[in-house]
C-alpha atoms as a PDB file:
ATOM      1  CA  UNK A   1     -38.073 -24.257  14.351  1.00  0.00           C
ATOM      2  CA  UNK A   2     -37.347 -25.287  10.838  1.00  0.00           C
ATOM      3  CA  UNK A   3     -34.566 -27.856  10.614  1.00  0.00           C
ATOM      4  CA  UNK A   4     -33.531 -27.633   6.922  1.00  0.00           C
ATOM      5  CA  UNK A   5     -33.084 -24.497   4.924  1.00  0.00           C
ATOM      6  CA  UNK A   6     -32.554 -24.179   1.172  1.00  0.00           C
ATOM      7  CA  UNK A   7     -29.628 -22.170  -0.101  1.00  0.00           C
ATOM      8  CA  UNK A   8     -32.102 -19.565  -1.403  1.00  0.00           C
ATOM      9  CA  UNK A   9     -33.748 -19.125   2.039  1.00  0.00           C
ATOM     10  CA  UNK A  10     -30.286 -18.730   3.770  1.00  0.00           C
ATOM     11  CA  UNK A  11     -29.293 -16.045   1.312  1.00  0.00           C
ATOM     12  CA  UNK A  12     -32.604 -14.242   1.773  1.00  0.00           C
ATOM     13  CA  UNK A  13     -32.156 -14.373   5.566  1.00  0.00           C
ATOM     14  CA  UNK A  14     -28.619 -13.011   5.229  1.00  0.00           C
ATOM     15  CA  UNK A  15     -29.719 -10.110   2.914  1.00  0.00           C
ATOM     16  CA  UNK A  16     -32.583  -9.153   5.219  1.00  0.00           C
ATOM     17  CA  UNK A  17     -30.393  -9.095   8.350  1.00  0.00           C
ATOM     18  CA  UNK A  18     -27.884  -6.866   6.586  1.00  0.00           C
ATOM     19  CA  UNK A  19     -30.639  -4.533   5.344  1.00  0.00           C
ATOM     20  CA  UNK A  20     -32.197  -4.261   8.814  1.00  0.00           C
ATOM     21  CA  UNK A  21     -28.919  -3.539  10.608  1.00  0.00           C
ATOM     22  CA  UNK A  22     -27.735  -0.018  10.534  1.00  0.00           C
ATOM     23  CA  UNK A  23     -24.050   0.928  10.524  1.00  0.00           C
ATOM     24  CA  UNK A  24     -23.023  -2.740   9.959  1.00  0.00           C
ATOM     25  CA  UNK A  25     -19.221  -3.070  10.150  1.00  0.00           C
ATOM     26  CA  UNK A  26     -18.227  -6.543   9.361  1.00  0.00           C
ATOM     27  CA  UNK A  27     -14.632  -6.296   8.038  1.00  0.00           C
ATOM     28  CA  UNK A  28     -13.463  -3.695  10.536  1.00  0.00           C
ATOM     29  CA  UNK A  29     -13.943  -6.078  13.333  1.00  0.00           C
ATOM     30  CA  UNK A  30     -12.220  -9.093  11.935  1.00  0.00           C
ATOM     31  CA  UNK A  31      -9.061 -10.034  14.030  1.00  0.00           C
ATOM     32  CA  UNK A  32      -6.464 -12.769  13.721  1.00  0.00           C
ATOM     33  CA  UNK A  33      -5.612 -15.382  16.467  1.00  0.00           C
ATOM     34  CA  UNK A  34      -3.396 -12.801  18.238  1.00  0.00           C
ATOM     35  CA  UNK A  35      -6.202 -10.113  18.301  1.00  0.00           C
ATOM     36  CA  UNK A  36      -4.729  -7.892  15.453  1.00  0.00           C
ATOM     37  CA  UNK A  37      -7.227  -6.233  13.249  1.00  0.00           C
ATOM     38  CA  UNK A  38      -6.896  -7.510   9.655  1.00  0.00           C
ATOM     39  CA  UNK A  39      -8.637  -4.701   7.865  1.00  0.00           C
ATOM     40  CA  UNK A  40      -6.771  -1.498   8.673  1.00  0.00           C
ATOM     41  CA  UNK A  41      -5.213   1.380   6.654  1.00  0.00           C
ATOM     42  CA  UNK A  42      -3.113   4.533   7.011  1.00  0.00           C
ATOM     43  CA  UNK A  43      -1.889   7.554   5.218  1.00  0.00           C
ATOM     44  CA  UNK A  44       1.599   7.930   3.647  1.00  0.00           C
ATOM     45  CA  UNK A  45       3.265  11.318   3.735  1.00  0.00           C
ATOM     46  CA  UNK A  46       6.190  12.119   1.484  1.00  0.00           C
ATOM     47  CA  UNK A  47       9.524  13.676   2.143  1.00  0.00           C
ATOM     48  CA  UNK A  48      10.042  17.182   0.934  1.00  0.00           C
ATOM     49  CA  UNK A  49      11.545  17.037  -2.507  1.00  0.00           C
ATOM     50  CA  UNK A  50      11.682  19.988  -4.838  1.00  0.00           C
ATOM     51  CA  UNK A  51       9.420  19.433  -7.901  1.00  0.00           C
ATOM     52  CA  UNK A  52       7.611  16.437  -6.265  1.00  0.00           C
ATOM     53  CA  UNK A  53       4.211  16.463  -4.715  1.00  0.00           C
ATOM     54  CA  UNK A  54       1.897  13.677  -3.355  1.00  0.00           C
ATOM     55  CA  UNK A  55      -1.190  13.017  -5.318  1.00  0.00           C
ATOM     56  CA  UNK A  56      -2.174  10.052  -3.143  1.00  0.00           C
ATOM     57  CA  UNK A  57      -0.587   7.861  -0.439  1.00  0.00           C
ATOM     58  CA  UNK A  58      -2.178   5.014   1.523  1.00  0.00           C
ATOM     59  CA  UNK A  59      -1.249   1.676   2.927  1.00  0.00           C
ATOM     60  CA  UNK A  60      -3.943  -0.982   3.507  1.00  0.00           C
ATOM     61  CA  UNK A  61      -4.070  -4.387   4.993  1.00  0.00           C
ATOM     62  CA  UNK A  62      -7.081  -6.390   3.804  1.00  0.00           C
ATOM     63  CA  UNK A  63      -6.874  -9.719   5.514  1.00  0.00           C
ATOM     64  CA  UNK A  64      -3.416 -10.926   4.564  1.00  0.00           C
ATOM     65  CA  UNK A  65      -2.832  -8.523   1.669  1.00  0.00           C
ATOM     66  CA  UNK A  66      -0.822  -5.477   2.417  1.00  0.00           C
ATOM     67  CA  UNK A  67      -0.834  -2.892  -0.334  1.00  0.00           C
ATOM     68  CA  UNK A  68       1.274   0.261  -0.371  1.00  0.00           C
ATOM     69  CA  UNK A  69       0.354   2.875  -2.918  1.00  0.00           C
ATOM     70  CA  UNK A  70       2.145   6.150  -3.501  1.00  0.00           C
ATOM     71  CA  UNK A  71       1.114   8.429  -6.360  1.00  0.00           C
ATOM     72  CA  UNK A  72       3.473  11.376  -7.212  1.00  0.00           C
ATOM     73  CA  UNK A  73       3.180  14.401  -9.510  1.00  0.00           C
ATOM     74  CA  UNK A  74       6.768  15.192 -10.761  1.00  0.00           C
ATOM     75  CA  UNK A  75       7.363  18.624 -12.303  1.00  0.00           C
ATOM     76  CA  UNK A  76       9.129  19.056 -15.723  1.00  0.00           C
ATOM     77  CA  UNK A  77      12.945  18.929 -15.442  1.00  0.00           C
ATOM     78  CA  UNK A  78      12.960  17.704 -11.858  1.00  0.00           C
ATOM     79  CA  UNK A  79      15.937  15.542 -10.859  1.00  0.00           C
ATOM     80  CA  UNK A  80      15.698  12.989  -8.167  1.00  0.00           C
ATOM     81  CA  UNK A  81      18.921  11.405  -7.131  1.00  0.00           C
ATOM     82  CA  UNK A  82      19.165   7.564  -6.711  1.00  0.00           C
ATOM     83  CA  UNK A  83      18.710   6.428  -3.174  1.00  0.00           C
ATOM     84  CA  UNK A  84      16.411   9.344  -2.341  1.00  0.00           C
ATOM     85  CA  UNK A  85      13.931   8.537   0.365  1.00  0.00           C
ATOM     86  CA  UNK A  86      10.497   9.328  -0.861  1.00  0.00           C
ATOM     87  CA  UNK A  87       8.408   8.376   2.097  1.00  0.00           C
ATOM     88  CA  UNK A  88       8.345   6.536   5.378  1.00  0.00           C
ATOM     89  CA  UNK A  89       5.299   4.222   6.073  1.00  0.00           C
ATOM     90  CA  UNK A  90       4.081   4.130   9.574  1.00  0.00           C
ATOM     91  CA  UNK A  91       2.943   0.466   9.916  1.00  0.00           C
ATOM     92  CA  UNK A  92       1.929  -1.278  13.226  1.00  0.00           C
ATOM     93  CA  UNK A  93       4.912  -3.129  14.741  1.00  0.00           C
ATOM     94  CA  UNK A  94       3.221  -6.521  14.414  1.00  0.00           C
ATOM     95  CA  UNK A  95       3.030  -6.001  10.630  1.00  0.00           C
ATOM     96  CA  UNK A  96       6.656  -4.829  10.408  1.00  0.00           C
ATOM     97  CA  UNK A  97       7.739  -7.906  12.313  1.00  0.00           C
ATOM     98  CA  UNK A  98       6.335 -10.087   9.599  1.00  0.00           C
ATOM     99  CA  UNK A  99       8.153  -8.306   6.788  1.00  0.00           C
ATOM    100  CA  UNK A 100      11.463  -9.964   5.824  1.00  0.00           C
ATOM    101  CA  UNK A 101      13.891  -8.145   3.488  1.00  0.00           C
ATOM    102  CA  UNK A 102      15.014 -10.244   0.387  1.00  0.00           C
ATOM    103  CA  UNK A 103      18.490  -8.754   0.465  1.00  0.00           C
ATOM    104  CA  UNK A 104      20.060  -6.407   3.004  1.00  0.00           C
ATOM    105  CA  UNK A 105      17.191  -3.875   3.519  1.00  0.00           C
ATOM    106  CA  UNK A 106      15.349  -4.440   0.280  1.00  0.00           C
ATOM    107  CA  UNK A 107      11.845  -5.940   0.539  1.00  0.00           C
ATOM    108  CA  UNK A 108      10.678  -5.253  -2.984  1.00  0.00           C
ATOM    109  CA  UNK A 109      11.670  -3.136  -5.992  1.00  0.00           C
ATOM    110  CA  UNK A 110      10.295  -2.337  -9.400  1.00  0.00           C
ATOM    111  CA  UNK A 111      10.062   0.091 -12.250  1.00  0.00           C
ATOM    112  CA  UNK A 112       6.804   1.998 -12.565  1.00  0.00           C
ATOM    113  CA  UNK A 113       5.654   3.780 -15.839  1.00  0.00           C
ATOM    114  CA  UNK A 114       5.200   7.493 -15.633  1.00  0.00           C
ATOM    115  CA  UNK A 115       2.247   9.097 -17.363  1.00  0.00           C
ATOM    116  CA  UNK A 116       2.014  12.371 -19.059  1.00  0.00           C
ATOM    117  CA  UNK A 117       2.080  14.065 -22.527  1.00  0.00           C
ATOM    118  CA  UNK A 118       4.816  12.464 -24.828  1.00  0.00           C
ATOM    119  CA  UNK A 119       6.696   9.290 -24.332  1.00  0.00           C
ATOM    120  CA  UNK A 120       6.286   7.354 -21.050  1.00  0.00           C
ATOM    121  CA  UNK A 121       9.422   6.588 -19.012  1.00  0.00           C
ATOM    122  CA  UNK A 122      10.218   4.271 -16.080  1.00  0.00           C
ATOM    123  CA  UNK A 123      10.522   5.454 -12.512  1.00  0.00           C
ATOM    124  CA  UNK A 124      12.225   2.974 -10.248  1.00  0.00           C
ATOM    125  CA  UNK A 125      11.435   2.596  -6.606  1.00  0.00           C
ATOM    126  CA  UNK A 126      12.023   0.133  -3.784  1.00  0.00           C
ATOM    127  CA  UNK A 127      10.397  -0.755  -0.526  1.00  0.00           C
ATOM    128  CA  UNK A 128      12.824  -1.178   2.428  1.00  0.00           C
ATOM    129  CA  UNK A 129      12.889  -2.192   5.998  1.00  0.00           C
ATOM    130  CA  UNK A 130      15.477  -0.123   7.620  1.00  0.00           C
ATOM    131  CA  UNK A 131      16.751  -0.733  11.157  1.00  0.00           C
ATOM    132  CA  UNK A 132      14.040  -3.451  11.703  1.00  0.00           C
ATOM    133  CA  UNK A 133      11.376  -0.834  12.524  1.00  0.00           C
ATOM    134  CA  UNK A 134      11.303   1.768   9.653  1.00  0.00           C
ATOM    135  CA  UNK A 135       9.466   1.026   6.382  1.00  0.00           C
ATOM    136  CA  UNK A 136      10.279   3.387   3.525  1.00  0.00           C
ATOM    137  CA  UNK A 137      10.073   3.879  -0.202  1.00  0.00           C
ATOM    138  CA  UNK A 138      13.367   4.962  -1.968  1.00  0.00           C
ATOM    139  CA  UNK A 139      14.436   5.572  -5.485  1.00  0.00           C
ATOM    140  CA  UNK A 140      17.045   3.266  -7.141  1.00  0.00           C
ATOM    141  CA  UNK A 141      18.715   2.468 -10.375  1.00  0.00           C
ATOM    142  CA  UNK A 142      20.349   5.856 -11.113  1.00  0.00           C
ATOM    143  CA  UNK A 143      19.254   9.519 -11.014  1.00  0.00           C
ATOM    144  CA  UNK A 144      15.811  10.248 -12.494  1.00  0.00           C
ATOM    145  CA  UNK A 145      15.180  13.482 -14.459  1.00  0.00           C
ATOM    146  CA  UNK A 146      11.630  14.175 -15.654  1.00  0.00           C
ATOM    147  CA  UNK A 147      11.257  15.196 -19.311  1.00  0.00           C
ATOM    148  CA  UNK A 148       7.763  16.835 -18.734  1.00  0.00           C
ATOM    149  CA  UNK A 149       5.153  17.170 -16.022  1.00  0.00           C
ATOM    150  CA  UNK A 150       4.679  13.458 -15.060  1.00  0.00           C
ATOM    151  CA  UNK A 151       2.576  11.387 -12.784  1.00  0.00           C
ATOM    152  CA  UNK A 152       3.684   7.973 -11.398  1.00  0.00           C
ATOM    153  CA  UNK A 153       1.780   5.264  -9.293  1.00  0.00           C
ATOM    154  CA  UNK A 154       4.083   3.278  -7.113  1.00  0.00           C
ATOM    155  CA  UNK A 155       2.586   0.061  -5.641  1.00  0.00           C
ATOM    156  CA  UNK A 156       4.048  -2.728  -3.511  1.00  0.00           C
ATOM    157  CA  UNK A 157       1.986  -5.801  -2.539  1.00  0.00           C
ATOM    158  CA  UNK A 158       3.017  -8.170   0.258  1.00  0.00           C
ATOM    159  CA  UNK A 159       1.480 -11.177   2.053  1.00  0.00           C
ATOM    160  CA  UNK A 160       1.165 -10.675   5.846  1.00  0.00           C
ATOM    161  CA  UNK A 161       0.434 -14.179   7.082  1.00  0.00           C
ATOM    162  CA  UNK A 162      -1.044 -15.289  10.442  1.00  0.00           C
ATOM    163  CA  UNK A 163       1.927 -17.262  11.615  1.00  0.00           C
END
């Protein structure tokens, strides 16, 4: 058996082993010290709101990075009242246990640009932890009325550590 390998030989062996293995799933099997999978994802379904439809909705944990993305299509002249729940996110309980609100139930909040013909506006949304076990996205900062058919991408990023 060869005792020393050059970096080039090691890389070549790694590439060869990947190419020869069918259906290799490396990330899907990575777990933390407690046995929780660290590469998982799920869908987000929105609440029924007149004039609002979901274009995309997913949450994903990639290692320690939790990303929540909700894309909405908002019809012209649609009014969404402040504090309207847009969606609940069904996260595993061990992830929810690691999320701590900054203030009251608020985990994160931001303004997101809307896209469509004409002048872009700002759609304000927040990510909340309600009753210690419900994660949800709400509107905030006043009622919102669309001035045209609009599209908005809402994204929240959190660090889910292994402690």
